[in-house]
C-alpha atoms as a PDB file:
ATOM      1  CA  MET A   1      -0.075   0.109   0.101  1.00  0.00           C
ATOM      2  CA  ALA A   2       1.456   3.309  -0.879  1.00  0.00           C
ATOM      3  CA  ARG A   3       2.192   5.653   2.203  1.00  0.00           C
ATOM      4  CA  LYS A   4       0.168   9.008   2.674  1.00  0.00           C
ATOM      5  CA  VAL A   5       1.538  12.452   2.476  1.00  0.00           C
ATOM      6  CA  LYS A   6       0.701  14.969   5.190  1.00  0.00           C
ATOM      7  CA  ILE A   7       2.201  18.432   4.786  1.00  0.00           C
ATOM      8  CA  THR A   8       3.203  20.748   7.843  1.00  0.00           C
ATOM      9  CA  CYS A   9       5.222  24.320   8.052  1.00  0.00           C
ATOM     10  CA  ASP A  10       6.071  26.300  10.919  1.00  0.00           C
ATOM     11  CA  SER A  11       4.566  29.716  10.717  1.00  0.00           C
ATOM     12  CA  THR A  12       7.246  31.644   8.748  1.00  0.00           C
ATOM     13  CA  CYS A  13       5.218  30.402   6.066  1.00  0.00           C
ATOM     14  CA  ASP A  14       2.305  32.860   6.286  1.00  0.00           C
ATOM     15  CA  PHE A  15      -0.221  31.060   5.007  1.00  0.00           C
ATOM     16  CA  SER A  16      -3.952  32.534   5.345  1.00  0.00           C
ATOM     17  CA  PRO A  17      -6.106  31.168   7.662  1.00  0.00           C
ATOM     18  CA  GLU A  18      -8.360  29.872   4.719  1.00  0.00           C
ATOM     19  CA  LEU A  19      -5.407  28.281   3.307  1.00  0.00           C
ATOM     20  CA  LEU A  20      -4.505  26.678   6.205  1.00  0.00           C
ATOM     21  CA  LYS A  21      -7.823  25.408   6.791  1.00  0.00           C
ATOM     22  CA  ARG A  22      -8.597  24.748   2.832  1.00  0.00           C
ATOM     23  CA  TYR A  23      -5.456  22.643   2.794  1.00  0.00           C
ATOM     24  CA  GLN A  24      -5.372  20.869   6.724  1.00  0.00           C
ATOM     25  CA  ILE A  25      -1.719  22.263   7.491  1.00  0.00           C
ATOM     26  CA  PRO A  26      -0.507  22.029  10.831  1.00  0.00           C
ATOM     27  CA  VAL A  27       1.343  25.047  12.216  1.00  0.00           C
ATOM     28  CA  SER A  28       4.573  24.897  14.226  1.00  0.00           C
ATOM     29  CA  PRO A  29       4.961  28.442  15.687  1.00  0.00           C
ATOM     30  CA  LEU A  30       8.048  30.368  16.007  1.00  0.00           C
ATOM     31  CA  ASN A  31       8.589  32.302  19.594  1.00  0.00           C
ATOM     32  CA  VAL A  32       8.185  36.031  19.539  1.00  0.00           C
ATOM     33  CA  ILE A  33       9.879  37.978  22.943  1.00  0.00           C
ATOM     34  CA  MET A  34       8.355  40.419  24.223  1.00  0.00           C
ATOM     35  CA  ASP A  35      10.050  42.004  27.657  1.00  0.00           C
ATOM     36  CA  ASP A  36      11.577  38.414  28.315  1.00  0.00           C
ATOM     37  CA  GLN A  37       8.463  37.032  27.759  1.00  0.00           C
ATOM     38  CA  SER A  38       8.178  33.921  24.522  1.00  0.00           C
ATOM     39  CA  TYR A  39       4.669  33.855  23.121  1.00  0.00           C
ATOM     40  CA  ARG A  40       3.961  32.003  19.812  1.00  0.00           C
ATOM     41  CA  ASP A  41       3.564  32.972  16.473  1.00  0.00           C
ATOM     42  CA  GLY A  42      -0.236  33.778  15.544  1.00  0.00           C
ATOM     43  CA  VAL A  43      -1.639  32.094  18.792  1.00  0.00           C
ATOM     44  CA  ASP A  44      -0.781  34.443  21.903  1.00  0.00           C
ATOM     45  CA  VAL A  45       0.917  37.147  19.763  1.00  0.00           C
ATOM     46  CA  THR A  46       0.045  39.086  16.663  1.00  0.00           C
ATOM     47  CA  PRO A  47       1.559  41.185  13.776  1.00  0.00           C
ATOM     48  CA  ASP A  48      -0.115  44.165  15.458  1.00  0.00           C
ATOM     49  CA  ASP A  49       0.976  43.262  19.037  1.00  0.00           C
ATOM     50  CA  VAL A  50       4.844  43.197  17.490  1.00  0.00           C
ATOM     51  CA  TYR A  51       4.089  46.944  16.366  1.00  0.00           C
ATOM     52  CA  ALA A  52       2.040  48.457  19.910  1.00  0.00           C
ATOM     53  CA  PHE A  53       4.854  46.911  21.618  1.00  0.00           C
ATOM     54  CA  TYR A  54       7.536  48.978  19.650  1.00  0.00           C
ATOM     55  CA  GLU A  55       5.334  52.372  19.737  1.00  0.00           C
ATOM     56  CA  LYS A  56       4.951  51.789  23.576  1.00  0.00           C
ATOM     57  CA  THR A  57       8.398  50.643  24.572  1.00  0.00           C
ATOM     58  CA  GLY A  58      10.691  51.879  21.385  1.00  0.00           C
ATOM     59  CA  ARG A  59      11.597  48.401  21.567  1.00  0.00           C
ATOM     60  CA  LEU A  60      11.478  45.647  19.123  1.00  0.00           C
ATOM     61  CA  THR A  61      10.635  42.039  19.661  1.00  0.00           C
ATOM     62  CA  LYS A  62      12.846  39.349  19.237  1.00  0.00           C
ATOM     63  CA  SER A  63      12.005  36.191  17.412  1.00  0.00           C
ATOM     64  CA  ALA A  64      13.186  32.912  18.372  1.00  0.00           C
ATOM     65  CA  ALA A  65      12.837  29.298  16.944  1.00  0.00           C
ATOM     66  CA  VAL A  66      11.088  26.514  17.629  1.00  0.00           C
ATOM     67  CA  ASN A  67      12.966  24.103  20.308  1.00  0.00           C
ATOM     68  CA  ILE A  68      13.473  20.611  19.688  1.00  0.00           C
ATOM     69  CA  ALA A  69      11.286  19.429  22.691  1.00  0.00           C
ATOM     70  CA  ASP A  70       8.641  21.817  20.685  1.00  0.00           C
ATOM     71  CA  TYR A  71       9.226  20.023  17.417  1.00  0.00           C
ATOM     72  CA  GLU A  72       8.993  16.363  18.939  1.00  0.00           C
ATOM     73  CA  ASP A  73       5.683  17.273  20.288  1.00  0.00           C
ATOM     74  CA  PHE A  74       3.976  18.707  17.104  1.00  0.00           C
ATOM     75  CA  PHE A  75       5.249  15.559  14.533  1.00  0.00           C
ATOM     76  CA  LYS A  76       4.087  13.099  18.024  1.00  0.00           C
ATOM     77  CA  LYS A  77       1.123  15.194  17.354  1.00  0.00           C
ATOM     78  CA  HIS A  78       0.459  15.063  13.813  1.00  0.00           C
ATOM     79  CA  SER A  79       2.223  11.424  12.981  1.00  0.00           C
ATOM     80  CA  GLU A  80      -0.352   8.911  11.405  1.00  0.00           C
ATOM     81  CA  GLU A  81      -0.396   5.171  10.377  1.00  0.00           C
ATOM     82  CA  ASN A  82       0.902   4.775   6.881  1.00  0.00           C
ATOM     83  CA  THR A  83       1.782   8.468   6.436  1.00  0.00           C
ATOM     84  CA  ASP A  84       4.984  10.643   5.830  1.00  0.00           C
ATOM     85  CA  ILE A  85       5.170  14.243   7.304  1.00  0.00           C
ATOM     86  CA  ILE A  86       7.053  16.729   4.551  1.00  0.00           C
ATOM     87  CA  HIS A  87       7.960  19.580   7.119  1.00  0.00           C
ATOM     88  CA  PHE A  88       8.652  23.258   5.471  1.00  0.00           C
ATOM     89  CA  SER A  89      10.944  25.310   7.262  1.00  0.00           C
ATOM     90  CA  ILE A  90      12.398  28.901   6.958  1.00  0.00           C
ATOM     91  CA  SER A  91      16.011  28.849   5.376  1.00  0.00           C
ATOM     92  CA  SER A  92      18.669  27.347   7.494  1.00  0.00           C
ATOM     93  CA  GLU A  93      20.540  30.147   6.863  1.00  0.00           C
ATOM     94  CA  MET A  94      17.911  32.835   9.201  1.00  0.00           C
ATOM     95  CA  SER A  95      17.251  30.513  11.734  1.00  0.00           C
ATOM     96  CA  THR A  96      17.946  27.600  13.661  1.00  0.00           C
ATOM     97  CA  THR A  97      14.546  26.070  13.268  1.00  0.00           C
ATOM     98  CA  TYR A  98      15.388  24.287  10.344  1.00  0.00           C
ATOM     99  CA  HIS A  99      18.106  22.198  12.786  1.00  0.00           C
ATOM    100  CA  ASN A 100      16.216  21.717  15.513  1.00  0.00           C
ATOM    101  CA  ALA A 101      13.322  20.088  13.062  1.00  0.00           C
ATOM    102  CA  CYS A 102      15.534  17.585  11.828  1.00  0.00           C
ATOM    103  CA  LEU A 103      16.701  16.701  15.425  1.00  0.00           C
ATOM    104  CA  ALA A 104      13.317  15.912  16.467  1.00  0.00           C
ATOM    105  CA  ALA A 105      12.397  14.453  13.023  1.00  0.00           C
ATOM    106  CA  GLU A 106      15.125  11.662  13.433  1.00  0.00           C
ATOM    107  CA  GLU A 107      13.591  10.523  17.242  1.00  0.00           C
ATOM    108  CA  ILE A 108      10.487  10.645  15.430  1.00  0.00           C
ATOM    109  CA  GLY A 109      10.782   9.161  11.945  1.00  0.00           C
ATOM    110  CA  ASN A 110       8.874   9.290   8.263  1.00  0.00           C
ATOM    111  CA  ILE A 111       9.319  12.852   8.566  1.00  0.00           C
ATOM    112  CA  TYR A 112      11.046  15.052   5.805  1.00  0.00           C
ATOM    113  CA  VAL A 113      12.529  18.302   6.881  1.00  0.00           C
ATOM    114  CA  ILE A 114      12.295  21.081   4.022  1.00  0.00           C
ATOM    115  CA  ASP A 115      14.871  23.777   4.081  1.00  0.00           C
ATOM    116  CA  THR A 116      13.067  26.132   1.787  1.00  0.00           C
ATOM    117  CA  ALA A 117      15.909  28.534   2.011  1.00  0.00           C
ATOM    118  CA  ASN A 118      12.856  30.988   1.865  1.00  0.00           C
ATOM    119  CA  LEU A 119      10.724  32.665   4.266  1.00  0.00           C
ATOM    120  CA  SER A 120       7.203  33.975   4.165  1.00  0.00           C
ATOM    121  CA  THR A 121       5.074  32.816   1.218  1.00  0.00           C
ATOM    122  CA  GLY A 122       8.481  31.421  -0.641  1.00  0.00           C
ATOM    123  CA  SER A 123       8.281  28.781   1.778  1.00  0.00           C
ATOM    124  CA  ALA A 124       3.982  28.554   1.061  1.00  0.00           C
ATOM    125  CA  LEU A 125       4.618  27.945  -2.814  1.00  0.00           C
ATOM    126  CA  LEU A 126       6.838  25.096  -1.881  1.00  0.00           C
ATOM    127  CA  ALA A 127       4.582  23.909   0.166  1.00  0.00           C
ATOM    128  CA  LEU A 128       1.390  24.173  -1.714  1.00  0.00           C
ATOM    129  CA  LYS A 129       3.377  22.784  -4.602  1.00  0.00           C
ATOM    130  CA  ALA A 130       4.306  19.949  -2.743  1.00  0.00           C
ATOM    131  CA  ILE A 131       0.349  19.409  -2.241  1.00  0.00           C
ATOM    132  CA  ASP A 132       0.253  19.456  -5.918  1.00  0.00           C
ATOM    133  CA  MET A 133       2.469  16.718  -6.219  1.00  0.00           C
ATOM    134  CA  ALA A 134       0.690  14.298  -3.337  1.00  0.00           C
ATOM    135  CA  GLU A 135      -2.552  14.784  -4.997  1.00  0.00           C
ATOM    136  CA  GLU A 136      -1.141  13.275  -8.179  1.00  0.00           C
ATOM    137  CA  GLY A 137      -0.227  10.327  -6.300  1.00  0.00           C
ATOM    138  CA  LEU A 138       3.595  10.949  -5.573  1.00  0.00           C
ATOM    139  CA  GLU A 139       4.769   9.249  -2.481  1.00  0.00           C
ATOM    140  CA  ALA A 140       6.744  11.390  -0.093  1.00  0.00           C
ATOM    141  CA  PRO A 141      10.785  10.966  -1.389  1.00  0.00           C
ATOM    142  CA  GLU A 142       9.980  11.530  -5.004  1.00  0.00           C
ATOM    143  CA  ILE A 143       8.473  14.871  -3.635  1.00  0.00           C
ATOM    144  CA  VAL A 144      11.509  15.917  -1.707  1.00  0.00           C
ATOM    145  CA  GLU A 145      13.646  15.446  -4.587  1.00  0.00           C
ATOM    146  CA  LYS A 146      11.597  17.708  -7.228  1.00  0.00           C
ATOM    147  CA  LEU A 147      11.337  20.090  -4.265  1.00  0.00           C
ATOM    148  CA  ASN A 148      14.871  20.172  -3.703  1.00  0.00           C
ATOM    149  CA  ALA A 149      15.071  21.171  -7.636  1.00  0.00           C
ATOM    150  CA  LEU A 150      12.409  24.005  -7.340  1.00  0.00           C
ATOM    151  CA  ARG A 151      13.399  25.397  -4.508  1.00  0.00           C
ATOM    152  CA  ASP A 152      16.076  27.904  -6.094  1.00  0.00           C
ATOM    153  CA  LYS A 153      13.358  28.917  -8.820  1.00  0.00           C
ATOM    154  CA  VAL A 154      11.071  30.624  -5.791  1.00  0.00           C
ATOM    155  CA  ASP A 155      10.961  34.031  -6.492  1.00  0.00           C
ATOM    156  CA  ALA A 156      10.698  36.048  -2.871  1.00  0.00           C
ATOM    157  CA  SER A 157      10.721  39.479  -2.508  1.00  0.00           C
ATOM    158  CA  PHE A 158       9.350  42.377  -0.491  1.00  0.00           C
ATOM    159  CA  VAL A 159       9.685  46.440  -0.264  1.00  0.00           C
ATOM    160  CA  ILE A 160      10.286  48.032   2.380  1.00  0.00           C
ATOM    161  CA  ASP A 161       8.362  51.276   3.475  1.00  0.00           C
ATOM    162  CA  SER A 162      10.865  52.196   5.748  1.00  0.00           C
ATOM    163  CA  LEU A 163      14.141  50.633   7.211  1.00  0.00           C
ATOM    164  CA  LEU A 164      13.679  51.747  11.010  1.00  0.00           C
ATOM    165  CA  TYR A 165      12.843  48.075  12.087  1.00  0.00           C
ATOM    166  CA  LEU A 166      15.852  47.180  10.117  1.00  0.00           C
ATOM    167  CA  TYR A 167      17.943  49.468  11.476  1.00  0.00           C
ATOM    168  CA  LYS A 168      16.750  48.855  14.914  1.00  0.00           C
ATOM    169  CA  GLY A 169      17.425  45.055  14.490  1.00  0.00           C
ATOM    170  CA  GLY A 170      21.090  46.141  13.332  1.00  0.00           C
ATOM    171  CA  ARG A 171      20.768  44.686  10.085  1.00  0.00           C
ATOM    172  CA  CYS A 172      21.364  48.150   8.645  1.00  0.00           C
ATOM    173  CA  SER A 173      22.999  50.907   9.699  1.00  0.00           C
ATOM    174  CA  ALA A 174      22.332  54.541  10.675  1.00  0.00           C
ATOM    175  CA  VAL A 175      23.865  56.046   7.435  1.00  0.00           C
ATOM    176  CA  ALA A 176      21.657  53.620   5.452  1.00  0.00           C
ATOM    177  CA  ALA A 177      18.404  54.111   7.234  1.00  0.00           C
ATOM    178  CA  LEU A 178      18.823  58.142   7.421  1.00  0.00           C
ATOM    179  CA  GLY A 179      19.480  58.344   3.394  1.00  0.00           C
ATOM    180  CA  ALA A 180      17.015  55.882   2.472  1.00  0.00           C
ATOM    181  CA  ASN A 181      14.741  58.412   4.659  1.00  0.00           C
ATOM    182  CA  LEU A 182      16.447  61.568   2.573  1.00  0.00           C
ATOM    183  CA  LEU A 183      16.286  60.182  -0.550  1.00  0.00           C
ATOM    184  CA  ARG A 184      12.406  58.786  -0.315  1.00  0.00           C
ATOM    185  CA  LEU A 185      14.026  55.473  -1.250  1.00  0.00           C
ATOM    186  CA  LYS A 186      12.179  52.492  -0.931  1.00  0.00           C
ATOM    187  CA  PRO A 187      14.772  48.759  -0.833  1.00  0.00           C
ATOM    188  CA  CYS A 188      13.430  46.118  -2.656  1.00  0.00           C
ATOM    189  CA  ILE A 189      14.632  42.998  -0.381  1.00  0.00           C
ATOM    190  CA  GLU A 190      15.168  39.839  -2.119  1.00  0.00           C
ATOM    191  CA  VAL A 191      15.434  36.325  -0.898  1.00  0.00           C
ATOM    192  CA  LYS A 192      18.642  34.695  -2.725  1.00  0.00           C
ATOM    193  CA  ASN A 193      20.881  31.577  -1.531  1.00  0.00           C
ATOM    194  CA  GLY A 194      18.434  31.263   1.999  1.00  0.00           C
ATOM    195  CA  LYS A 195      19.759  35.021   2.989  1.00  0.00           C
ATOM    196  CA  MET A 196      18.091  38.572   2.812  1.00  0.00           C
ATOM    197  CA  GLY A 197      19.664  41.040   0.505  1.00  0.00           C
ATOM    198  CA  VAL A 198      19.135  44.564  -1.208  1.00  0.00           C
ATOM    199  CA  GLY A 199      17.875  44.621  -4.596  1.00  0.00           C
ATOM    200  CA  LYS A 200      16.477  47.549  -6.422  1.00  0.00           C
ATOM    201  CA  LYS A 201      15.682  50.734  -4.688  1.00  0.00           C
ATOM    202  CA  TYR A 202      13.080  52.764  -5.608  1.00  0.00           C
ATOM    203  CA  ARG A 203      12.309  56.088  -4.918  1.00  0.00           C
ATOM    204  CA  GLY A 204       9.173  58.178  -4.056  1.00  0.00           C
ATOM    205  CA  LYS A 205       5.646  57.468  -2.361  1.00  0.00           C
ATOM    206  CA  PHE A 206       5.107  54.266  -1.237  1.00  0.00           C
ATOM    207  CA  ASP A 207       2.162  53.123  -3.460  1.00  0.00           C
ATOM    208  CA  GLN A 208       3.999  53.935  -6.095  1.00  0.00           C
ATOM    209  CA  ALA A 209       7.194  52.146  -5.533  1.00  0.00           C
ATOM    210  CA  LEU A 210       5.585  49.250  -5.147  1.00  0.00           C
ATOM    211  CA  LYS A 211       2.945  49.498  -8.825  1.00  0.00           C
ATOM    212  CA  GLN A 212       6.816  49.845 -10.116  1.00  0.00           C
ATOM    213  CA  TYR A 213       7.507  47.037  -8.322  1.00  0.00           C
ATOM    214  CA  ALA A 214       5.217  44.978  -9.723  1.00  0.00           C
ATOM    215  CA  GLU A 215       6.193  46.135 -12.494  1.00  0.00           C
ATOM    216  CA  ASP A 216       9.597  44.913 -12.743  1.00  0.00           C
ATOM    217  CA  ARG A 217       8.642  41.570 -11.392  1.00  0.00           C
ATOM    218  CA  LEU A 218       6.160  40.698 -13.596  1.00  0.00           C
ATOM    219  CA  HIS A 219       8.099  41.503 -16.796  1.00  0.00           C
ATOM    220  CA  ASP A 220       9.322  38.651 -17.799  1.00  0.00           C
ATOM    221  CA  PRO A 221       6.144  36.696 -18.042  1.00  0.00           C
ATOM    222  CA  GLU A 222       7.824  33.479 -20.352  1.00  0.00           C
ATOM    223  CA  ASP A 223       9.853  32.333 -17.193  1.00  0.00           C
ATOM    224  CA  ILE A 224       6.635  32.300 -14.442  1.00  0.00           C
ATOM    225  CA  ASP A 225       5.400  29.321 -13.163  1.00  0.00           C
ATOM    226  CA  LEU A 226       1.689  30.712 -13.714  1.00  0.00           C
ATOM    227  CA  ARG A 227       0.038  28.224 -11.070  1.00  0.00           C
ATOM    228  CA  ARG A 228      -0.331  30.440  -8.491  1.00  0.00           C
ATOM    229  CA  VAL A 229       1.512  33.944  -6.729  1.00  0.00           C
ATOM    230  CA  PHE A 230       0.988  35.409  -3.295  1.00  0.00           C
ATOM    231  CA  ILE A 231       0.721  39.044  -2.525  1.00  0.00           C
ATOM    232  CA  THR A 232       1.788  39.346   1.316  1.00  0.00           C
ATOM    233  CA  HIS A 233       1.919  41.921   2.884  1.00  0.00           C
ATOM    234  CA  ALA A 234       3.012  43.420   6.759  1.00  0.00           C
ATOM    235  CA  GLY A 235       0.575  46.115   8.000  1.00  0.00           C
ATOM    236  CA  CYS A 236      -0.227  47.360   4.826  1.00  0.00           C
ATOM    237  CA  ASP A 237      -3.966  49.023   4.023  1.00  0.00           C
ATOM    238  CA  GLU A 238      -5.874  46.107   2.548  1.00  0.00           C
ATOM    239  CA  LYS A 239      -7.355  48.742  -0.451  1.00  0.00           C
ATOM    240  CA  LEU A 240      -3.752  49.110  -1.415  1.00  0.00           C
ATOM    241  CA  ALA A 241      -2.636  45.286  -1.189  1.00  0.00           C
ATOM    242  CA  GLU A 242      -5.644  44.491  -3.294  1.00  0.00           C
ATOM    243  CA  GLU A 243      -4.457  47.347  -6.334  1.00  0.00           C
ATOM    244  CA  ILE A 244      -1.435  45.437  -6.532  1.00  0.00           C
ATOM    245  CA  ALA A 245      -3.398  42.233  -6.282  1.00  0.00           C
ATOM    246  CA  GLU A 246      -5.517  43.603  -9.042  1.00  0.00           C
ATOM    247  CA  GLN A 247      -2.372  44.733 -10.952  1.00  0.00           C
ATOM    248  CA  VAL A 248      -0.533  41.168 -10.789  1.00  0.00           C
ATOM    249  CA  ARG A 249      -4.376  39.910 -12.187  1.00  0.00           C
ATOM    250  CA  ASN A 250      -4.438  42.434 -15.412  1.00  0.00           C
ATOM    251  CA  THR A 251      -0.454  41.913 -16.139  1.00  0.00           C
ATOM    252  CA  LEU A 252      -0.661  38.275 -16.082  1.00  0.00           C
ATOM    253  CA  PRO A 253      -3.121  34.786 -16.192  1.00  0.00           C
ATOM    254  CA  PHE A 254      -2.521  33.500 -13.242  1.00  0.00           C
ATOM    255  CA  GLU A 255      -4.914  30.298 -11.948  1.00  0.00           C
ATOM    256  CA  GLU A 256      -4.663  31.641  -8.564  1.00  0.00           C
ATOM    257  CA  VAL A 257      -4.043  34.902  -6.658  1.00  0.00           C
ATOM    258  CA  PHE A 258      -3.651  34.720  -2.931  1.00  0.00           C
ATOM    259  CA  ILE A 259      -3.401  38.079  -0.553  1.00  0.00           C
ATOM    260  CA  THR A 260      -1.965  36.896   2.731  1.00  0.00           C
ATOM    261  CA  ARG A 261      -0.494  39.336   5.423  1.00  0.00           C
ATOM    262  CA  ALA A 262       3.055  38.212   7.307  1.00  0.00           C
ATOM    263  CA  GLY A 263       3.044  36.735  10.417  1.00  0.00           C
ATOM    264  CA  CYS A 264       5.010  38.298  13.724  1.00  0.00           C
ATOM    265  CA  THR A 265       8.349  37.164  12.605  1.00  0.00           C
ATOM    266  CA  VAL A 266       8.447  39.197   9.322  1.00  0.00           C
ATOM    267  CA  SER A 267       6.541  41.658  10.649  1.00  0.00           C
ATOM    268  CA  THR A 268       9.319  42.064  13.921  1.00  0.00           C
ATOM    269  CA  HIS A 269      12.607  41.792  11.395  1.00  0.00           C
ATOM    270  CA  CYS A 270      10.332  44.350   8.449  1.00  0.00           C
ATOM    271  CA  GLY A 271       8.441  46.830  10.058  1.00  0.00           C
ATOM    272  CA  ARG A 272       4.637  47.790   8.962  1.00  0.00           C
ATOM    273  CA  ASN A 273       4.293  48.647   5.447  1.00  0.00           C
ATOM    274  CA  THR A 274       6.110  45.893   3.682  1.00  0.00           C
ATOM    275  CA  LEU A 275       4.339  44.304   0.049  1.00  0.00           C
ATOM    276  CA  GLY A 276       6.012  41.466  -1.802  1.00  0.00           C
ATOM    277  CA  VAL A 277       4.879  39.929  -5.008  1.00  0.00           C
ATOM    278  CA  LEU A 278       6.275  36.263  -4.740  1.00  0.00           C
ATOM    279  CA  MET A 279       5.794  33.176  -7.371  1.00  0.00           C
ATOM    280  CA  ILE A 280       8.055  30.622  -8.975  1.00  0.00           C
ATOM    281  CA  ARG A 281      10.055  30.614 -11.918  1.00  0.00           C
ATOM    282  CA  LYS A 282      10.953  28.033 -14.355  1.00  0.00           C
ATOM    283  CA  THR A 283      14.787  28.875 -14.369  1.00  0.00           C
ATOM    284  CA  PRO A 284      16.674  30.012 -10.709  1.00  0.00           C
ATOM    285  CA  VAL A 285      16.748  32.929  -9.731  1.00  0.00           C
ATOM    286  CA  ASN A 286      19.845  32.442  -7.244  1.00  0.00           C
ATOM    287  CA  SER A 287      23.255  33.149  -8.428  1.00  0.00           C
END
């Protein structure tokens, strides 16, 4: 009898509640630290709590990996007879979450942990591809092999309205933050080789920068997988997010266009008013 496949992920995948319910995906939450207290991302704390904490205290929250013991409990809870679990984790370059999941998986068995080399819905795109393949009847080892070949084709990027959170978190210098502010620059953060780096810098108002950014990301339609695309944002006006989604729909005939809100982990590092258009390409984006 063929073994079944179950998909799980950590909270950095930034699935919407509707998609989690639709695909029955269990989530292992990362931890968010406020005043030495630990809260579970998306369970005990929301992105709006992250922003409120900064506005009240002038300090950023911190994110922490899922520990090994919690992962063992999580995998045991969701293990089923004759079923393999494929678990999707934030890039191993960004967190020890992947490493901890691997150690827990070794103790449980029948669990494949995927280093997505990504974050947010860049990881979610891979998880949905795994669901597609499972529905086609592929078993876990073959799905994992195909995912490893697909990972470098995920195109994940975000435009950030303000460098304040990155500066406060020690991820950019005061000079860079001040210069961006004075020049009204909105940097595009790209994920490549499992790490975040700065791409094109847009100038002007945030909404106009986003429209130019979306146009840039969609400029090579022959190289884009049109199965699905995510518009993922951190605390943006819902109307603006829908405008970008409509621009995407009018530009390319994606089968599904999802709008999701980033969870606490992305919000902790990037802050309010961050938005990305995330998709899978036909050729690798990593260099």
